[in-house]
Amino acid sequence: MQHLDIILAVVGALALGWIADLLTGGRGIARTLLTSVTGAACGWFLAVRVFGAHTMDDLGWVVWAMAGSVIVLLVYFLTRNKR
């Protein structure tokens, strides 16, 4: 399948967001998923466009996307306002 890596990255980012939401109390799945997908997009952008470390033809950028998702989720949960 030609676009399997893109599907894998999207599903991975959604899964990371869902797991992060479950681990932190499950009070805002939409915000957590949006944060996770945005982090994955940032990881892809860094790997493919900024550093040129990988191309869309290999799976290396998926690892960067998942790392970006994890980093952005950590920053999100460290800096969010808890009322």
C-alpha atoms as a PDB file:
ATOM      1  CA  MET A   1       0.000   0.000   0.000  1.00  0.00           C
ATOM      2  CA  GLN A   2       1.318   3.327  -1.056  1.00  0.00           C
ATOM      3  CA  HIS A   3       0.084   5.480   1.823  1.00  0.00           C
ATOM      4  CA  LEU A   4       0.481   3.001   4.669  1.00  0.00           C
ATOM      5  CA  ASP A   5       3.107   5.146   6.405  1.00  0.00           C
ATOM      6  CA  ILE A   6       0.765   8.150   6.489  1.00  0.00           C
ATOM      7  CA  ILE A   7      -2.051   6.026   7.907  1.00  0.00           C
ATOM      8  CA  LEU A   8       0.377   4.579  10.457  1.00  0.00           C
ATOM      9  CA  ALA A   9       1.484   8.059  11.547  1.00  0.00           C
ATOM     10  CA  VAL A  10      -2.090   9.358  11.930  1.00  0.00           C
ATOM     11  CA  VAL A  11      -3.262   6.289  13.847  1.00  0.00           C
ATOM     12  CA  GLY A  12      -0.131   6.410  16.016  1.00  0.00           C
ATOM     13  CA  ALA A  13      -0.668  10.075  16.865  1.00  0.00           C
ATOM     14  CA  LEU A  14      -4.325   9.446  17.713  1.00  0.00           C
ATOM     15  CA  ALA A  15      -3.364   6.455  19.864  1.00  0.00           C
ATOM     16  CA  LEU A  16      -0.716   8.470  21.719  1.00  0.00           C
ATOM     17  CA  GLY A  17      -3.253  11.227  22.361  1.00  0.00           C
ATOM     18  CA  TRP A  18      -5.848   8.756  23.582  1.00  0.00           C
ATOM     19  CA  ILE A  19      -3.364   7.032  25.911  1.00  0.00           C
ATOM     20  CA  ALA A  20      -2.154  10.382  27.256  1.00  0.00           C
ATOM     21  CA  ASP A  21      -5.749  11.416  27.928  1.00  0.00           C
ATOM     22  CA  LEU A  22      -6.433   8.169  29.782  1.00  0.00           C
ATOM     23  CA  LEU A  23      -3.275   8.510  31.885  1.00  0.00           C
ATOM     24  CA  THR A  24      -4.073  12.086  32.903  1.00  0.00           C
ATOM     25  CA  GLY A  25      -7.669  11.673  33.933  1.00  0.00           C
ATOM     26  CA  GLY A  26      -9.614  11.702  30.674  1.00  0.00           C
ATOM     27  CA  ARG A  27     -11.091  15.189  30.824  1.00  0.00           C
ATOM     28  CA  GLY A  28     -10.691  16.544  27.319  1.00  0.00           C
ATOM     29  CA  ILE A  29     -10.083  14.014  24.587  1.00  0.00           C
ATOM     30  CA  ALA A  30     -10.569  16.515  21.747  1.00  0.00           C
ATOM     31  CA  ARG A  31      -7.892  18.877  23.046  1.00  0.00           C
ATOM     32  CA  THR A  32      -5.482  16.040  23.702  1.00  0.00           C
ATOM     33  CA  LEU A  33      -6.003  14.520  20.251  1.00  0.00           C
ATOM     34  CA  LEU A  34      -5.563  17.901  18.581  1.00  0.00           C
ATOM     35  CA  THR A  35      -2.356  18.450  20.532  1.00  0.00           C
ATOM     36  CA  SER A  36      -1.037  15.019  19.611  1.00  0.00           C
ATOM     37  CA  VAL A  37      -1.772  15.370  15.893  1.00  0.00           C
ATOM     38  CA  THR A  38      -0.251  18.858  15.844  1.00  0.00           C
ATOM     39  CA  GLY A  39       2.908  17.512  17.478  1.00  0.00           C
ATOM     40  CA  ALA A  40       3.077  14.726  14.907  1.00  0.00           C
ATOM     41  CA  ALA A  41       2.782  17.268  12.098  1.00  0.00           C
ATOM     42  CA  CYS A  42       5.599  19.279  13.672  1.00  0.00           C
ATOM     43  CA  GLY A  43       7.765  16.163  13.928  1.00  0.00           C
ATOM     44  CA  TRP A  44       7.119  15.376  10.260  1.00  0.00           C
ATOM     45  CA  PHE A  45       7.941  18.949   9.267  1.00  0.00           C
ATOM     46  CA  LEU A  46      11.240  18.854  11.147  1.00  0.00           C
ATOM     47  CA  ALA A  47      12.273  15.495   9.702  1.00  0.00           C
ATOM     48  CA  VAL A  48      11.283  16.048   6.087  1.00  0.00           C
ATOM     49  CA  ARG A  49      11.380  19.775   5.420  1.00  0.00           C
ATOM     50  CA  VAL A  50      13.765  21.378   7.929  1.00  0.00           C
ATOM     51  CA  PHE A  51      16.549  18.857   8.518  1.00  0.00           C
ATOM     52  CA  GLY A  52      16.052  16.750   5.405  1.00  0.00           C
ATOM     53  CA  ALA A  53      16.847  13.692   7.482  1.00  0.00           C
ATOM     54  CA  HIS A  54      14.213  11.522   5.803  1.00  0.00           C
ATOM     55  CA  THR A  55      11.972  11.479   2.773  1.00  0.00           C
ATOM     56  CA  MET A  56       8.348  10.455   2.491  1.00  0.00           C
ATOM     57  CA  ASP A  57       9.531   7.214   0.856  1.00  0.00           C
ATOM     58  CA  ASP A  58      10.912   5.667   4.046  1.00  0.00           C
ATOM     59  CA  LEU A  59       9.469   5.114   7.510  1.00  0.00           C
ATOM     60  CA  GLY A  60      12.013   7.217   9.397  1.00  0.00           C
ATOM     61  CA  TRP A  61       9.789  10.270   9.400  1.00  0.00           C
ATOM     62  CA  VAL A  62       7.077   8.319  11.251  1.00  0.00           C
ATOM     63  CA  VAL A  63       9.445   7.943  14.212  1.00  0.00           C
ATOM     64  CA  TRP A  64      10.083  11.703  14.118  1.00  0.00           C
ATOM     65  CA  ALA A  65       6.332  12.333  13.995  1.00  0.00           C
ATOM     66  CA  MET A  66       5.697  10.135  17.040  1.00  0.00           C
ATOM     67  CA  ALA A  67       8.566  11.787  18.918  1.00  0.00           C
ATOM     68  CA  GLY A  68       7.120  15.203  18.080  1.00  0.00           C
ATOM     69  CA  SER A  69       3.739  14.062  19.335  1.00  0.00           C
ATOM     70  CA  VAL A  70       5.188  12.847  22.640  1.00  0.00           C
ATOM     71  CA  ILE A  71       7.191  16.045  23.179  1.00  0.00           C
ATOM     72  CA  VAL A  72       4.222  18.308  22.462  1.00  0.00           C
ATOM     73  CA  LEU A  73       1.964  16.226  24.725  1.00  0.00           C
ATOM     74  CA  LEU A  74       4.502  16.498  27.559  1.00  0.00           C
ATOM     75  CA  VAL A  75       4.705  20.260  27.136  1.00  0.00           C
ATOM     76  CA  TYR A  76       0.909  20.481  26.940  1.00  0.00           C
ATOM     77  CA  PHE A  77       0.394  18.613  30.193  1.00  0.00           C
ATOM     78  CA  LEU A  78       3.166  20.523  31.961  1.00  0.00           C
ATOM     79  CA  THR A  79       1.811  23.940  31.016  1.00  0.00           C
ATOM     80  CA  ARG A  80      -1.971  23.538  30.929  1.00  0.00           C
ATOM     81  CA  ASN A  81      -4.088  25.432  33.404  1.00  0.00           C
ATOM     82  CA  LYS A  82      -5.651  23.208  36.073  1.00  0.00           C
ATOM     83  CA  ARG A  83      -8.596  25.005  37.617  1.00  0.00           C
END
